[in-house]
């Protein structure tokens, strides 16, 4: 190879590497790594006791259709799987947490019932993206909602992928991502969407919150005990913050309604 050309190639490679380092340093300084979890565990953010419910902690591996390999695939920093039972109604709450910079947004966001459950024998019956409730007394952030069925058993699911506390959703998601290189190619549009939306801010903390039940969830959202359970999960970030005056007014209205 021509010595001049070799030198130019080496200089170009060095400049590219230096630029990449500079971009990384800029991103870290502009968008600092912030964790709201602190020294708490995820289990502390959801109720260990709840009025009207029997509470039981379950093994994390059972929280996914693919039993085993859960930690290896998801690489979360902390997780909890807790069941709330009342009569023959079960409400399962699965929460996983990733420290800032641990995993890409598209890798975390694509591991949800549309992929994990469908790949393990579930059929997706219905799916609503960005479901919003017009309910000021229960100000849930927009959530993903769907019905899934396996062997005649239907499960209702609502879930959030929270990036820095805000919902991140993939309306382009198909049913059942493949593993390996083929799956990564399929998920490429999700990666491009996140780059477009977040730019260099790619190291926010992430929560994945999934609430599933053997009972239809939409009617349950009118149930006082289920509503109380959701409100007690406020620290996960699934509720919008209300001005204090509104919280006091809504609390007073709820008290009067119960008289």
Protein backbone atom coordinates (compact mmCIF):
# COMPACT_ATOMS: atom_id res chain seq x y z
CA UNK A 1 0.00 0.00 0.00
CA UNK A 2 1.16 3.50 -0.80
CA UNK A 3 2.75 4.97 2.39
CA UNK A 4 0.84 8.22 1.95
CA UNK A 5 -2.45 6.36 1.60
CA UNK A 6 -1.68 4.20 4.65
CA UNK A 7 -0.91 7.29 6.72
CA UNK A 8 -4.12 8.95 5.55
CA UNK A 9 -6.16 5.87 6.49
CA UNK A 10 -4.57 5.70 9.96
CA UNK A 11 -5.15 9.42 10.47
CA UNK A 12 -8.77 9.05 9.38
CA UNK A 13 -9.32 6.11 11.74
CA UNK A 14 -7.73 8.06 14.59
CA UNK A 15 -9.88 11.09 13.88
CA UNK A 16 -13.01 8.90 13.80
CA UNK A 17 -12.11 7.32 17.14
CA UNK A 18 -11.37 10.72 18.67
CA UNK A 19 -14.71 12.03 17.41
CA UNK A 20 -16.56 9.08 18.91
CA UNK A 21 -14.88 9.66 22.29
CA UNK A 22 -15.68 13.38 22.11
CA UNK A 23 -19.34 12.64 21.37
CA UNK A 24 -19.48 10.22 24.31
CA UNK A 25 -17.90 12.74 26.69
CA UNK A 26 -20.29 15.43 25.49
CA UNK A 27 -23.30 13.14 25.95
CA UNK A 28 -22.27 12.17 29.49
CA UNK A 29 -21.73 15.80 30.51
CA UNK A 30 -24.91 17.03 28.86
CA UNK A 31 -27.11 14.12 29.95
CA UNK A 32 -25.80 12.90 33.32
CA UNK A 33 -26.58 9.41 34.58
CA UNK A 34 -29.41 9.77 37.11
CA UNK A 35 -30.99 6.93 39.06
CA UNK A 36 -34.12 7.59 41.10
CA UNK A 37 -33.94 4.15 42.72
CA UNK A 38 -31.03 5.02 44.99
CA UNK A 39 -30.26 2.30 47.52
CA UNK A 40 -33.80 0.91 47.46
CA UNK A 41 -34.91 -2.33 45.83
CA UNK A 42 -37.66 -2.45 43.23
CA UNK A 43 -39.67 -4.61 45.65
CA UNK A 44 -39.93 -1.60 47.97
CA UNK A 45 -41.74 0.41 45.29
CA UNK A 46 -44.81 -1.81 45.16
CA UNK A 47 -47.06 -2.75 48.10
CA UNK A 48 -46.04 -5.72 50.25
CA UNK A 49 -49.51 -5.49 51.82
CA UNK A 50 -52.64 -4.18 50.14
CA UNK A 51 -56.18 -3.78 51.54
CA UNK A 52 -58.47 -6.45 50.14
CA UNK A 53 -55.66 -8.50 48.58
CA UNK A 54 -53.61 -11.53 49.61
CA UNK A 55 -50.00 -10.87 48.56
CA UNK A 56 -47.43 -13.43 47.42
CA UNK A 57 -43.95 -13.05 45.93
CA UNK A 58 -43.26 -15.40 43.01
CA UNK A 59 -39.99 -16.48 41.32
CA UNK A 60 -38.90 -14.04 38.62
CA UNK A 61 -38.48 -16.86 36.08
CA UNK A 62 -42.23 -17.52 36.25
CA UNK A 63 -42.92 -13.92 35.24
CA UNK A 64 -41.93 -14.66 31.65
CA UNK A 65 -43.37 -17.24 29.29
CA UNK A 66 -39.82 -18.38 28.60
CA UNK A 67 -38.91 -20.00 31.93
CA UNK A 68 -35.18 -19.78 32.54
CA UNK A 69 -32.60 -17.56 30.85
CA UNK A 70 -34.62 -14.52 31.99
CA UNK A 71 -31.73 -12.72 33.67
CA UNK A 72 -29.29 -13.63 30.89
CA UNK A 73 -31.60 -12.25 28.20
CA UNK A 74 -32.92 -9.15 29.97
CA UNK A 75 -29.81 -8.25 32.01
CA UNK A 76 -31.85 -6.15 34.44
CA UNK A 77 -30.33 -4.68 37.59
CA UNK A 78 -33.30 -5.49 39.81
CA UNK A 79 -36.74 -7.05 39.43
CA UNK A 80 -39.77 -8.21 41.38
CA UNK A 81 -42.76 -10.40 40.57
CA UNK A 82 -45.66 -10.16 43.02
CA UNK A 83 -49.18 -11.60 42.90
CA UNK A 84 -52.22 -9.94 44.45
CA UNK A 85 -55.17 -12.31 44.89
CA UNK A 86 -58.80 -11.70 45.83
CA UNK A 87 -61.12 -14.68 45.55
CA UNK A 88 -60.54 -16.16 42.10
CA UNK A 89 -59.05 -12.93 40.70
CA UNK A 90 -55.26 -12.72 40.39
CA UNK A 91 -53.34 -9.56 39.54
CA UNK A 92 -49.67 -10.16 38.74
CA UNK A 93 -47.23 -7.26 38.88
CA UNK A 94 -43.82 -7.65 37.25
CA UNK A 95 -41.31 -4.82 37.44
CA UNK A 96 -37.76 -4.78 36.05
CA UNK A 97 -35.23 -1.97 36.41
CA UNK A 98 -32.14 -1.00 34.43
CA UNK A 99 -29.59 1.51 35.67
CA UNK A 100 -28.77 4.41 33.34
CA UNK A 101 -26.70 3.23 30.39
CA UNK A 102 -27.13 -0.49 31.13
CA UNK A 103 -29.23 -1.50 28.12
CA UNK A 104 -30.43 0.18 24.94
CA UNK A 105 -34.00 1.42 24.96
CA UNK A 106 -34.99 -0.74 21.98
CA UNK A 107 -33.62 -3.92 23.55
CA UNK A 108 -35.57 -3.35 26.77
CA UNK A 109 -38.72 -2.13 25.04
CA UNK A 110 -38.96 -5.05 22.63
CA UNK A 111 -39.02 -7.63 25.46
CA UNK A 112 -42.73 -7.45 26.20
CA UNK A 113 -45.78 -9.73 25.79
CA UNK A 114 -45.88 -9.04 22.04
CA UNK A 115 -42.58 -10.85 21.70
CA UNK A 116 -41.86 -12.95 24.81
CA UNK A 117 -45.37 -14.35 25.21
CA UNK A 118 -46.15 -14.74 21.51
CA UNK A 119 -42.84 -16.55 20.97
CA UNK A 120 -43.87 -19.01 23.67
CA UNK A 121 -47.26 -20.05 22.43
CA UNK A 122 -49.61 -17.16 23.27
CA UNK A 123 -51.92 -15.61 20.69
CA UNK A 124 -52.35 -11.85 20.71
CA UNK A 125 -56.09 -11.22 20.46
CA UNK A 126 -56.26 -7.45 20.87
CA UNK A 127 -53.74 -4.65 21.18
CA UNK A 128 -54.10 -0.93 21.96
CA UNK A 129 -51.11 1.43 21.92
CA UNK A 130 -50.89 4.45 24.19
CA UNK A 131 -54.18 3.84 26.00
CA UNK A 132 -55.24 6.93 27.96
CA UNK A 133 -57.83 7.16 30.71
CA UNK A 134 -59.93 10.26 31.18
CA UNK A 135 -59.91 9.81 34.94
CA UNK A 136 -58.39 12.65 36.98
CA UNK A 137 -58.70 10.60 40.17
CA UNK A 138 -56.45 7.90 38.64
CA UNK A 139 -54.03 9.81 36.38
CA UNK A 140 -52.25 6.87 34.77
CA UNK A 141 -49.65 7.66 32.14
CA UNK A 142 -50.51 6.22 28.70
CA UNK A 143 -50.08 2.45 28.78
CA UNK A 144 -49.94 -0.47 26.39
CA UNK A 145 -52.92 -2.80 26.60
CA UNK A 146 -53.78 -6.19 25.16
CA UNK A 147 -55.46 -9.58 25.47
CA UNK A 148 -53.38 -12.75 25.10
CA UNK A 149 -54.57 -16.35 25.09
CA UNK A 150 -52.95 -19.75 25.48
CA UNK A 151 -54.77 -23.11 25.67
CA UNK A 152 -58.09 -21.37 26.16
CA UNK A 153 -56.84 -19.18 29.01
CA UNK A 154 -57.05 -15.43 28.42
CA UNK A 155 -54.81 -12.92 30.17
CA UNK A 156 -55.38 -9.18 30.15
CA UNK A 157 -52.20 -7.09 30.22
CA UNK A 158 -51.33 -3.43 30.69
CA UNK A 159 -47.70 -2.36 30.65
CA UNK A 160 -45.33 0.57 30.52
CA UNK A 161 -41.78 0.89 29.27
CA UNK A 162 -40.62 4.02 31.09
CA UNK A 163 -37.47 5.76 29.87
CA UNK A 164 -36.44 8.45 32.32
CA UNK A 165 -39.95 8.28 33.74
CA UNK A 166 -41.78 8.79 30.43
CA UNK A 167 -43.61 6.11 28.39
CA UNK A 168 -41.77 4.77 25.37
CA UNK A 169 -43.80 2.66 22.97
CA UNK A 170 -43.32 0.88 19.67
CA UNK A 171 -46.47 0.93 17.59
CA UNK A 172 -44.52 -0.74 14.77
CA UNK A 173 -43.86 -3.84 16.85
CA UNK A 174 -44.86 -7.08 15.19
CA UNK A 175 -45.83 -10.26 16.96
CA UNK A 176 -42.91 -12.42 18.02
CA UNK A 177 -39.48 -10.99 17.32
CA UNK A 178 -36.95 -13.57 16.19
CA UNK A 179 -33.70 -14.07 18.09
CA UNK A 180 -30.21 -13.39 16.77
CA UNK A 181 -29.27 -11.26 13.79
CA UNK A 182 -32.67 -11.67 12.11
CA UNK A 183 -34.39 -10.22 15.17
CA UNK A 184 -32.00 -7.30 15.34
CA UNK A 185 -32.69 -6.47 11.70
CA UNK A 186 -36.44 -6.61 12.42
CA UNK A 187 -35.97 -4.23 15.36
CA UNK A 188 -33.88 -1.76 13.37
CA UNK A 189 -36.85 0.66 12.89
CA UNK A 190 -37.25 0.78 16.68
CA UNK A 191 -33.59 1.71 17.11
CA UNK A 192 -33.88 4.45 14.49
CA UNK A 193 -37.03 5.76 16.21
CA UNK A 194 -35.22 6.00 19.55
CA UNK A 195 -32.21 7.72 18.00
CA UNK A 196 -34.57 10.20 16.37
CA UNK A 197 -36.48 10.82 19.62
CA UNK A 198 -33.64 10.81 22.16
CA UNK A 199 -30.59 11.81 20.15
CA UNK A 200 -27.48 11.48 22.31
CA UNK A 201 -29.51 11.03 25.49
CA UNK A 202 -29.22 7.25 25.47
CA UNK A 203 -28.49 6.53 29.13
CA UNK A 204 -31.65 7.24 31.09
CA UNK A 205 -32.80 4.73 33.68
CA UNK A 206 -35.53 2.34 32.58
CA UNK A 207 -38.48 0.62 34.23
CA UNK A 208 -40.61 -2.05 32.64
CA UNK A 209 -43.91 -2.40 34.52
CA UNK A 210 -46.36 -5.12 33.54
CA UNK A 211 -49.70 -5.72 35.23
CA UNK A 212 -51.61 -8.81 34.11
CA UNK A 213 -54.76 -10.50 35.31
CA UNK A 214 -57.05 -13.42 34.65
CA UNK A 215 -59.89 -10.89 34.93
CA UNK A 216 -60.61 -8.13 32.39
CA UNK A 217 -58.55 -5.12 33.45
CA UNK A 218 -60.77 -2.35 32.10
CA UNK A 219 -63.65 -3.15 34.50
CA UNK A 220 -61.09 -3.60 37.29
CA UNK A 221 -59.98 0.00 36.78
CA UNK A 222 -63.28 1.02 38.35
CA UNK A 223 -62.70 -1.21 41.39
CA UNK A 224 -61.68 0.81 44.50
CA UNK A 225 -59.26 -1.86 45.76
CA UNK A 226 -57.52 -2.20 42.39
CA UNK A 227 -57.36 1.58 42.03
CA UNK A 228 -55.81 1.78 45.49
CA UNK A 229 -53.24 -0.83 44.47
CA UNK A 230 -52.25 1.20 41.39
CA UNK A 231 -51.98 4.41 43.40
CA UNK A 232 -49.67 2.65 45.84
CA UNK A 233 -47.33 1.99 42.90
CA UNK A 234 -46.85 5.71 42.32
CA UNK A 235 -43.09 5.54 42.87
CA UNK A 236 -42.69 3.37 39.78
CA UNK A 237 -43.66 6.39 37.68
CA UNK A 238 -46.89 5.02 36.20
CA UNK A 239 -48.94 7.99 37.46
CA UNK A 240 -48.77 11.58 36.30
CA UNK A 241 -47.85 14.06 39.00
CA UNK A 242 -50.82 16.14 40.08
CA UNK A 243 -50.56 19.60 41.64
CA UNK A 244 -50.98 19.24 45.40
CA UNK A 245 -54.19 21.28 45.37
CA UNK A 246 -55.71 18.83 42.87
CA UNK A 247 -54.66 15.85 44.97
CA UNK A 248 -56.31 17.36 48.03
CA UNK A 249 -59.50 18.15 46.07
CA UNK A 250 -59.70 14.68 44.54
CA UNK A 251 -59.06 13.10 47.93
CA UNK A 252 -61.90 15.10 49.45
CA UNK A 253 -64.21 14.16 46.58
CA UNK A 254 -63.35 10.47 47.03
CA UNK A 255 -64.08 10.73 50.75
CA UNK A 256 -67.47 12.35 50.11
CA UNK A 257 -68.29 9.74 47.49
CA UNK A 258 -67.71 7.00 50.05
CA UNK A 259 -70.11 8.54 52.60
